[in-house]
Amino acid sequence: MQKRESAIKAAVQKHGKERKNLLPILQEVKQIKNYLSRSDVAEIGVEMGLALAHVYGVASFYHFIDLEERGQNIIWVCKTISCSMKGSNDIVMTLKERLKIKLGETTSDGKFSLLETNCIGWCHKGPAMLINDEPYTDLTPEKVIQIIDDYYTNN
């Protein structure tokens, strides 16, 4: 609790209480915990003098600001029509089988969460996914298995 509150106060102090600084504050606090809880959102609103509904509205709009606890590594698979036509459904199936989870779930060891999102900016090299902020493109089921195995080995 202390770490969260001090992180929120520090972020607000660093960026300022103006409404235009809400997104960088949300991002900074999210970096520390890997997600924003309801109490984090409420505390940010109090610190900035903003309505809870406004803070929640901004936080929930962006897919990269998680409002629930996720795994250490967050996998975002692109679900646009471009990536779909290039085989993203096979990529999702491979990830589900390898990680033994469904979309929206986190592995029992807390290493991975599996999510789908709209365009991540790599459709020209699809199918594509992000793990945390690292893009992986031109995916095949075999390539995905190797990427996941590398994360388990190196992280």
N, C-alpha and C. Protein backbone atom coordinates (compact mmCIF):
# COMPACT_ATOMS: atom_id res chain seq x y z
N MET A 1 0.83 -1.18 0.00
CA MET A 1 0.00 0.00 0.00
C MET A 1 0.87 1.25 0.00
N GLN A 2 1.87 1.28 0.85
CA GLN A 2 2.77 2.43 0.94
C GLN A 2 3.47 2.69 -0.39
N LYS A 3 3.96 1.63 -1.04
CA LYS A 3 4.67 1.78 -2.31
C LYS A 3 3.76 2.37 -3.38
N ARG A 4 2.51 1.89 -3.42
CA ARG A 4 1.54 2.38 -4.40
C ARG A 4 1.25 3.85 -4.18
N GLU A 5 0.95 4.22 -2.95
CA GLU A 5 0.62 5.61 -2.65
C GLU A 5 1.80 6.52 -2.94
N SER A 6 3.00 6.11 -2.54
CA SER A 6 4.16 6.96 -2.79
C SER A 6 4.46 7.04 -4.29
N ALA A 7 4.20 5.97 -5.03
CA ALA A 7 4.40 6.00 -6.49
C ALA A 7 3.41 6.95 -7.14
N ILE A 8 2.19 6.95 -6.67
CA ILE A 8 1.17 7.84 -7.22
C ILE A 8 1.52 9.29 -6.91
N LYS A 9 1.86 9.56 -5.66
CA LYS A 9 2.23 10.93 -5.27
C LYS A 9 3.45 11.41 -6.06
N ALA A 10 4.44 10.53 -6.22
CA ALA A 10 5.65 10.90 -6.96
C ALA A 10 5.34 11.17 -8.43
N ALA A 11 4.48 10.35 -9.03
CA ALA A 11 4.12 10.54 -10.44
C ALA A 11 3.36 11.84 -10.64
N VAL A 12 2.43 12.14 -9.74
CA VAL A 12 1.66 13.39 -9.84
C VAL A 12 2.58 14.59 -9.63
N GLN A 13 3.47 14.47 -8.67
CA GLN A 13 4.41 15.56 -8.43
C GLN A 13 5.33 15.77 -9.63
N LYS A 14 5.78 14.70 -10.24
CA LYS A 14 6.68 14.78 -11.40
C LYS A 14 6.00 15.40 -12.62
N HIS A 15 4.78 14.97 -12.90
CA HIS A 15 4.09 15.40 -14.13
C HIS A 15 3.19 16.61 -13.93
N GLY A 16 2.69 16.80 -12.71
CA GLY A 16 1.77 17.91 -12.45
C GLY A 16 0.33 17.45 -12.43
N LYS A 17 -0.52 18.25 -11.81
CA LYS A 17 -1.93 17.88 -11.60
C LYS A 17 -2.85 18.25 -12.76
N GLU A 18 -2.32 18.86 -13.80
CA GLU A 18 -3.17 19.23 -14.92
C GLU A 18 -3.74 17.99 -15.60
N ARG A 19 -4.96 18.11 -16.08
CA ARG A 19 -5.66 17.01 -16.73
C ARG A 19 -4.84 16.41 -17.88
N LYS A 20 -4.11 17.23 -18.60
CA LYS A 20 -3.31 16.77 -19.75
C LYS A 20 -2.22 15.78 -19.34
N ASN A 21 -1.90 15.72 -18.06
CA ASN A 21 -0.84 14.84 -17.57
C ASN A 21 -1.36 13.50 -17.05
N LEU A 22 -2.66 13.29 -17.18
CA LEU A 22 -3.24 12.04 -16.65
C LEU A 22 -2.64 10.79 -17.29
N LEU A 23 -2.54 10.76 -18.60
CA LEU A 23 -2.04 9.55 -19.27
C LEU A 23 -0.61 9.20 -18.85
N PRO A 24 0.34 10.15 -18.84
CA PRO A 24 1.69 9.78 -18.37
C PRO A 24 1.71 9.30 -16.92
N ILE A 25 0.83 9.85 -16.09
CA ILE A 25 0.76 9.42 -14.69
C ILE A 25 0.23 7.99 -14.62
N LEU A 26 -0.83 7.71 -15.37
CA LEU A 26 -1.37 6.34 -15.40
C LEU A 26 -0.31 5.35 -15.88
N GLN A 27 0.42 5.71 -16.93
CA GLN A 27 1.45 4.83 -17.47
C GLN A 27 2.56 4.59 -16.46
N GLU A 28 2.98 5.63 -15.78
CA GLU A 28 4.08 5.49 -14.81
C GLU A 28 3.69 4.60 -13.64
N VAL A 29 2.50 4.80 -13.11
CA VAL A 29 2.05 3.98 -11.98
C VAL A 29 1.85 2.53 -12.44
N LYS A 30 1.33 2.35 -13.64
CA LYS A 30 1.14 1.00 -14.19
C LYS A 30 2.47 0.27 -14.32
N GLN A 31 3.52 0.99 -14.72
CA GLN A 31 4.87 0.38 -14.86
C GLN A 31 5.32 -0.25 -13.55
N ILE A 32 5.00 0.39 -12.45
CA ILE A 32 5.47 -0.08 -11.14
C ILE A 32 4.76 -1.37 -10.72
N LYS A 33 3.45 -1.46 -10.93
CA LYS A 33 2.66 -2.60 -10.46
C LYS A 33 2.27 -3.58 -11.55
N ASN A 34 2.44 -3.21 -12.80
CA ASN A 34 2.03 -4.02 -13.94
C ASN A 34 0.54 -3.95 -14.21
N TYR A 35 -0.22 -3.25 -13.38
CA TYR A 35 -1.64 -3.00 -13.60
C TYR A 35 -2.09 -1.91 -12.64
N LEU A 36 -3.29 -1.36 -12.87
CA LEU A 36 -3.86 -0.37 -11.97
C LEU A 36 -5.11 -0.95 -11.31
N SER A 37 -5.11 -0.98 -10.00
CA SER A 37 -6.28 -1.46 -9.27
C SER A 37 -7.31 -0.33 -9.18
N ARG A 38 -8.50 -0.66 -8.73
CA ARG A 38 -9.53 0.37 -8.53
C ARG A 38 -9.04 1.43 -7.54
N SER A 39 -8.36 0.98 -6.50
CA SER A 39 -7.88 1.95 -5.51
C SER A 39 -6.78 2.84 -6.09
N ASP A 40 -5.97 2.31 -7.02
CA ASP A 40 -4.96 3.14 -7.69
C ASP A 40 -5.66 4.24 -8.50
N VAL A 41 -6.68 3.85 -9.25
CA VAL A 41 -7.42 4.80 -10.08
C VAL A 41 -8.06 5.87 -9.20
N ALA A 42 -8.66 5.44 -8.10
CA ALA A 42 -9.29 6.40 -7.18
C ALA A 42 -8.26 7.34 -6.57
N GLU A 43 -7.13 6.82 -6.15
CA GLU A 43 -6.10 7.65 -5.54
C GLU A 43 -5.52 8.65 -6.54
N ILE A 44 -5.35 8.24 -7.77
CA ILE A 44 -4.87 9.17 -8.81
C ILE A 44 -5.88 10.30 -8.98
N GLY A 45 -7.17 9.95 -9.00
CA GLY A 45 -8.21 10.97 -9.10
C GLY A 45 -8.15 11.96 -7.95
N VAL A 46 -7.99 11.45 -6.74
CA VAL A 46 -7.89 12.32 -5.56
C VAL A 46 -6.67 13.22 -5.66
N GLU A 47 -5.53 12.65 -5.98
CA GLU A 47 -4.28 13.42 -6.06
C GLU A 47 -4.35 14.51 -7.13
N MET A 48 -5.04 14.22 -8.23
CA MET A 48 -5.11 15.18 -9.33
C MET A 48 -6.34 16.08 -9.27
N GLY A 49 -7.26 15.76 -8.36
CA GLY A 49 -8.49 16.55 -8.27
C GLY A 49 -9.42 16.29 -9.45
N LEU A 50 -9.40 15.06 -9.97
CA LEU A 50 -10.24 14.68 -11.10
C LEU A 50 -11.29 13.67 -10.65
N ALA A 51 -12.42 13.67 -11.34
CA ALA A 51 -13.48 12.71 -11.04
C ALA A 51 -13.01 11.29 -11.33
N LEU A 52 -13.40 10.37 -10.49
CA LEU A 52 -13.06 8.96 -10.66
C LEU A 52 -13.51 8.47 -12.03
N ALA A 53 -14.69 8.88 -12.47
CA ALA A 53 -15.21 8.44 -13.77
C ALA A 53 -14.29 8.89 -14.90
N HIS A 54 -13.73 10.07 -14.81
CA HIS A 54 -12.83 10.56 -15.85
C HIS A 54 -11.54 9.74 -15.86
N VAL A 55 -10.96 9.53 -14.69
CA VAL A 55 -9.71 8.77 -14.61
C VAL A 55 -9.93 7.35 -15.11
N TYR A 56 -11.02 6.72 -14.68
CA TYR A 56 -11.33 5.36 -15.12
C TYR A 56 -11.57 5.32 -16.62
N GLY A 57 -12.28 6.32 -17.15
CA GLY A 57 -12.56 6.38 -18.58
C GLY A 57 -11.29 6.41 -19.42
N VAL A 58 -10.33 7.22 -18.99
CA VAL A 58 -9.06 7.30 -19.71
C VAL A 58 -8.29 5.98 -19.56
N ALA A 59 -8.21 5.48 -18.34
CA ALA A 59 -7.45 4.25 -18.09
C ALA A 59 -8.02 3.07 -18.85
N SER A 60 -9.34 2.97 -18.93
CA SER A 60 -9.96 1.81 -19.58
C SER A 60 -9.96 1.93 -21.11
N PHE A 61 -9.72 3.11 -21.64
CA PHE A 61 -9.71 3.30 -23.08
C PHE A 61 -8.50 2.65 -23.74
N TYR A 62 -7.35 2.71 -23.09
CA TYR A 62 -6.10 2.23 -23.68
C TYR A 62 -5.83 0.79 -23.29
N HIS A 63 -5.59 -0.07 -24.29
CA HIS A 63 -5.37 -1.49 -23.99
C HIS A 63 -4.09 -1.73 -23.21
N PHE A 64 -3.12 -0.82 -23.28
CA PHE A 64 -1.85 -1.04 -22.60
C PHE A 64 -1.88 -0.63 -21.14
N ILE A 65 -3.00 -0.12 -20.67
CA ILE A 65 -3.15 0.17 -19.24
C ILE A 65 -4.10 -0.87 -18.67
N ASP A 66 -3.53 -1.86 -18.02
CA ASP A 66 -4.33 -2.96 -17.49
C ASP A 66 -4.99 -2.56 -16.18
N LEU A 67 -6.26 -2.90 -16.08
CA LEU A 67 -7.02 -2.63 -14.86
C LEU A 67 -7.26 -3.90 -14.05
N GLU A 68 -6.57 -4.94 -14.42
CA GLU A 68 -6.56 -6.16 -13.62
C GLU A 68 -5.16 -6.77 -13.68
N GLU A 69 -4.85 -7.52 -12.67
CA GLU A 69 -3.52 -8.09 -12.58
C GLU A 69 -3.27 -9.04 -13.74
N ARG A 70 -2.11 -8.93 -14.31
CA ARG A 70 -1.71 -9.76 -15.45
C ARG A 70 -0.42 -10.49 -15.10
N GLY A 71 -0.01 -11.34 -16.02
CA GLY A 71 1.23 -12.08 -15.84
C GLY A 71 2.45 -11.19 -16.03
N GLN A 72 3.59 -11.75 -15.73
CA GLN A 72 4.87 -11.05 -15.89
C GLN A 72 5.08 -10.62 -17.34
N ASN A 73 4.66 -11.44 -18.28
CA ASN A 73 4.78 -11.15 -19.71
C ASN A 73 3.39 -11.14 -20.32
N ILE A 74 3.04 -10.02 -20.93
CA ILE A 74 1.72 -9.88 -21.52
C ILE A 74 1.84 -10.05 -23.03
N ILE A 75 1.12 -11.04 -23.54
CA ILE A 75 1.13 -11.33 -24.98
C ILE A 75 -0.13 -10.72 -25.58
N TRP A 76 0.07 -9.83 -26.56
CA TRP A 76 -1.03 -9.23 -27.31
C TRP A 76 -0.94 -9.77 -28.74
N VAL A 77 -1.94 -10.52 -29.17
CA VAL A 77 -1.97 -11.02 -30.54
C VAL A 77 -2.88 -10.10 -31.36
N CYS A 78 -2.38 -9.68 -32.51
CA CYS A 78 -3.15 -8.80 -33.39
C CYS A 78 -4.33 -9.58 -33.98
N LYS A 79 -5.52 -8.98 -33.94
CA LYS A 79 -6.71 -9.65 -34.47
C LYS A 79 -7.33 -8.90 -35.64
N THR A 80 -6.56 -8.04 -36.30
CA THR A 80 -7.10 -7.35 -37.47
C THR A 80 -7.36 -8.33 -38.60
N ILE A 81 -8.10 -7.89 -39.58
CA ILE A 81 -8.41 -8.74 -40.74
C ILE A 81 -7.13 -9.14 -41.47
N SER A 82 -6.16 -8.22 -41.55
CA SER A 82 -4.89 -8.53 -42.24
C SER A 82 -4.17 -9.69 -41.57
N CYS A 83 -4.01 -9.60 -40.25
CA CYS A 83 -3.31 -10.68 -39.54
C CYS A 83 -4.14 -11.96 -39.54
N SER A 84 -5.46 -11.80 -39.48
CA SER A 84 -6.34 -12.97 -39.52
C SER A 84 -6.18 -13.73 -40.83
N MET A 85 -6.13 -12.99 -41.93
CA MET A 85 -5.97 -13.63 -43.24
C MET A 85 -4.61 -14.30 -43.39
N LYS A 86 -3.62 -13.86 -42.58
CA LYS A 86 -2.28 -14.44 -42.65
C LYS A 86 -2.06 -15.54 -41.60
N GLY A 87 -3.09 -15.86 -40.82
CA GLY A 87 -2.98 -16.99 -39.91
C GLY A 87 -2.93 -16.69 -38.42
N SER A 88 -3.41 -15.53 -37.98
CA SER A 88 -3.33 -15.22 -36.55
C SER A 88 -4.16 -16.19 -35.71
N ASN A 89 -5.21 -16.78 -36.28
CA ASN A 89 -6.01 -17.76 -35.52
C ASN A 89 -5.15 -18.97 -35.15
N ASP A 90 -4.28 -19.40 -36.06
CA ASP A 90 -3.37 -20.51 -35.76
C ASP A 90 -2.39 -20.12 -34.66
N ILE A 91 -1.97 -18.86 -34.66
CA ILE A 91 -1.04 -18.37 -33.64
C ILE A 91 -1.72 -18.39 -32.27
N VAL A 92 -2.95 -17.91 -32.21
CA VAL A 92 -3.70 -17.92 -30.94
C VAL A 92 -3.88 -19.35 -30.46
N MET A 93 -4.27 -20.26 -31.34
CA MET A 93 -4.46 -21.66 -30.95
C MET A 93 -3.15 -22.27 -30.42
N THR A 94 -2.05 -21.97 -31.08
CA THR A 94 -0.75 -22.49 -30.64
C THR A 94 -0.40 -21.95 -29.26
N LEU A 95 -0.63 -20.66 -29.05
CA LEU A 95 -0.34 -20.05 -27.74
C LEU A 95 -1.23 -20.66 -26.65
N LYS A 96 -2.50 -20.83 -26.94
CA LYS A 96 -3.42 -21.43 -25.97
C LYS A 96 -2.98 -22.83 -25.59
N GLU A 97 -2.58 -23.62 -26.59
CA GLU A 97 -2.14 -24.99 -26.32
C GLU A 97 -0.82 -25.02 -25.56
N ARG A 98 0.14 -24.21 -25.97
CA ARG A 98 1.47 -24.20 -25.33
C ARG A 98 1.40 -23.69 -23.89
N LEU A 99 0.61 -22.63 -23.68
CA LEU A 99 0.52 -22.02 -22.35
C LEU A 99 -0.56 -22.65 -21.47
N LYS A 100 -1.43 -23.45 -22.08
CA LYS A 100 -2.53 -24.12 -21.37
C LYS A 100 -3.47 -23.10 -20.71
N ILE A 101 -3.79 -22.04 -21.46
CA ILE A 101 -4.73 -21.03 -21.00
C ILE A 101 -5.62 -20.61 -22.16
N LYS A 102 -6.70 -19.90 -21.82
CA LYS A 102 -7.59 -19.31 -22.82
C LYS A 102 -7.26 -17.83 -22.96
N LEU A 103 -7.82 -17.21 -23.99
CA LEU A 103 -7.66 -15.76 -24.12
C LEU A 103 -8.19 -15.08 -22.87
N GLY A 104 -7.46 -14.10 -22.40
CA GLY A 104 -7.85 -13.36 -21.20
C GLY A 104 -7.34 -13.97 -19.90
N GLU A 105 -6.69 -15.12 -19.98
CA GLU A 105 -6.21 -15.79 -18.77
C GLU A 105 -4.71 -15.62 -18.59
N THR A 106 -4.26 -15.97 -17.40
CA THR A 106 -2.84 -15.93 -17.03
C THR A 106 -2.41 -17.34 -16.65
N THR A 107 -1.19 -17.71 -17.04
CA THR A 107 -0.68 -19.04 -16.70
C THR A 107 -0.60 -19.21 -15.19
N SER A 108 -0.68 -20.44 -14.73
CA SER A 108 -0.68 -20.71 -13.29
C SER A 108 0.61 -20.26 -12.61
N ASP A 109 1.71 -20.19 -13.37
CA ASP A 109 2.97 -19.72 -12.78
C ASP A 109 3.12 -18.20 -12.83
N GLY A 110 2.11 -17.52 -13.41
CA GLY A 110 2.13 -16.06 -13.47
C GLY A 110 3.07 -15.48 -14.51
N LYS A 111 3.60 -16.32 -15.38
CA LYS A 111 4.58 -15.84 -16.38
C LYS A 111 3.93 -15.12 -17.55
N PHE A 112 2.75 -15.59 -18.02
CA PHE A 112 2.16 -15.05 -19.23
C PHE A 112 0.67 -14.79 -19.07
N SER A 113 0.21 -13.70 -19.68
CA SER A 113 -1.21 -13.46 -19.91
C SER A 113 -1.39 -13.39 -21.41
N LEU A 114 -2.49 -13.94 -21.91
CA LEU A 114 -2.75 -14.00 -23.35
C LEU A 114 -3.97 -13.16 -23.69
N LEU A 115 -3.77 -12.18 -24.56
CA LEU A 115 -4.84 -11.26 -24.94
C LEU A 115 -4.82 -11.01 -26.45
N GLU A 116 -5.96 -10.60 -26.97
CA GLU A 116 -6.02 -10.15 -28.36
C GLU A 116 -6.29 -8.65 -28.35
N THR A 117 -5.84 -7.99 -29.41
CA THR A 117 -6.09 -6.56 -29.54
C THR A 117 -6.18 -6.20 -31.01
N ASN A 118 -6.70 -5.03 -31.26
CA ASN A 118 -6.70 -4.52 -32.62
C ASN A 118 -5.28 -4.12 -32.98
N CYS A 119 -5.10 -3.66 -34.13
CA CYS A 119 -3.81 -3.41 -34.76
C CYS A 119 -2.70 -2.98 -33.79
N ILE A 120 -1.56 -3.64 -33.90
CA ILE A 120 -0.38 -3.26 -33.13
C ILE A 120 0.66 -2.58 -34.03
N GLY A 121 0.26 -2.33 -35.27
CA GLY A 121 1.14 -1.61 -36.18
C GLY A 121 2.07 -2.47 -37.01
N TRP A 122 1.88 -3.77 -37.00
CA TRP A 122 2.77 -4.68 -37.73
C TRP A 122 2.01 -5.58 -38.69
N CYS A 123 0.84 -5.18 -39.10
CA CYS A 123 0.02 -6.03 -39.97
C CYS A 123 0.70 -6.33 -41.31
N HIS A 124 1.55 -5.43 -41.77
CA HIS A 124 2.26 -5.67 -43.02
C HIS A 124 3.23 -6.85 -42.91
N LYS A 125 3.53 -7.26 -41.67
CA LYS A 125 4.42 -8.40 -41.44
C LYS A 125 3.71 -9.45 -40.59
N GLY A 126 2.39 -9.51 -40.72
CA GLY A 126 1.60 -10.41 -39.91
C GLY A 126 1.73 -11.86 -40.35
N PRO A 127 1.23 -12.74 -39.50
CA PRO A 127 0.61 -12.42 -38.23
C PRO A 127 1.65 -11.91 -37.23
N ALA A 128 1.16 -11.04 -36.33
CA ALA A 128 2.07 -10.38 -35.40
C ALA A 128 1.53 -10.42 -33.98
N MET A 129 2.46 -10.29 -33.04
CA MET A 129 2.10 -10.20 -31.62
C MET A 129 3.14 -9.35 -30.91
N LEU A 130 2.74 -8.85 -29.76
CA LEU A 130 3.66 -8.17 -28.85
C LEU A 130 3.79 -9.00 -27.60
N ILE A 131 4.99 -9.11 -27.09
CA ILE A 131 5.17 -9.63 -25.73
C ILE A 131 5.80 -8.48 -24.98
N ASN A 132 5.03 -7.96 -24.04
CA ASN A 132 5.36 -6.70 -23.37
C ASN A 132 5.45 -5.64 -24.48
N ASP A 133 6.57 -5.05 -24.73
CA ASP A 133 6.67 -4.04 -25.79
C ASP A 133 7.46 -4.55 -26.99
N GLU A 134 7.78 -5.82 -27.03
CA GLU A 134 8.61 -6.40 -28.09
C GLU A 134 7.74 -7.00 -29.19
N PRO A 135 7.84 -6.49 -30.43
CA PRO A 135 7.05 -7.05 -31.51
C PRO A 135 7.68 -8.33 -32.08
N TYR A 136 6.82 -9.27 -32.46
CA TYR A 136 7.22 -10.49 -33.16
C TYR A 136 6.34 -10.60 -34.39
N THR A 137 6.97 -10.78 -35.55
CA THR A 137 6.24 -10.72 -36.81
C THR A 137 6.50 -11.97 -37.66
N ASP A 138 5.74 -12.05 -38.75
CA ASP A 138 5.85 -13.19 -39.67
C ASP A 138 5.78 -14.50 -38.90
N LEU A 139 4.84 -14.58 -38.00
CA LEU A 139 4.75 -15.72 -37.09
C LEU A 139 4.23 -16.98 -37.76
N THR A 140 4.74 -18.09 -37.28
CA THR A 140 4.24 -19.42 -37.60
C THR A 140 4.04 -20.13 -36.26
N PRO A 141 3.26 -21.19 -36.22
CA PRO A 141 3.13 -21.92 -34.96
C PRO A 141 4.49 -22.37 -34.40
N GLU A 142 5.38 -22.81 -35.26
CA GLU A 142 6.70 -23.27 -34.80
C GLU A 142 7.51 -22.11 -34.20
N LYS A 143 7.45 -20.97 -34.85
CA LYS A 143 8.17 -19.79 -34.37
C LYS A 143 7.63 -19.34 -33.01
N VAL A 144 6.32 -19.40 -32.84
CA VAL A 144 5.69 -19.01 -31.57
C VAL A 144 6.15 -19.92 -30.43
N ILE A 145 6.18 -21.22 -30.69
CA ILE A 145 6.63 -22.17 -29.66
C ILE A 145 8.07 -21.86 -29.26
N GLN A 146 8.92 -21.56 -30.22
CA GLN A 146 10.32 -21.22 -29.92
C GLN A 146 10.41 -19.93 -29.11
N ILE A 147 9.61 -18.93 -29.44
CA ILE A 147 9.63 -17.65 -28.71
C ILE A 147 9.22 -17.89 -27.25
N ILE A 148 8.15 -18.64 -27.03
CA ILE A 148 7.68 -18.92 -25.66
C ILE A 148 8.73 -19.73 -24.91
N ASP A 149 9.30 -20.73 -25.55
CA ASP A 149 10.34 -21.53 -24.90
C ASP A 149 11.55 -20.66 -24.52
N ASP A 150 11.91 -19.71 -25.39
CA ASP A 150 13.01 -18.80 -25.08
C ASP A 150 12.69 -17.94 -23.86
N TYR A 151 11.44 -17.46 -23.74
CA TYR A 151 11.06 -16.68 -22.56
C TYR A 151 11.16 -17.52 -21.30
N TYR A 152 10.75 -18.77 -21.38
CA TYR A 152 10.85 -19.63 -20.19
C TYR A 152 12.31 -19.89 -19.83
N THR A 153 13.17 -20.00 -20.82
CA THR A 153 14.58 -20.27 -20.58
C THR A 153 15.33 -19.04 -20.07
N ASN A 154 15.03 -17.89 -20.65
CA ASN A 154 15.81 -16.68 -20.38
C ASN A 154 15.22 -15.70 -19.39
N ASN A 155 14.01 -15.93 -18.93
CA ASN A 155 13.39 -14.96 -18.00
C ASN A 155 13.02 -15.58 -16.69
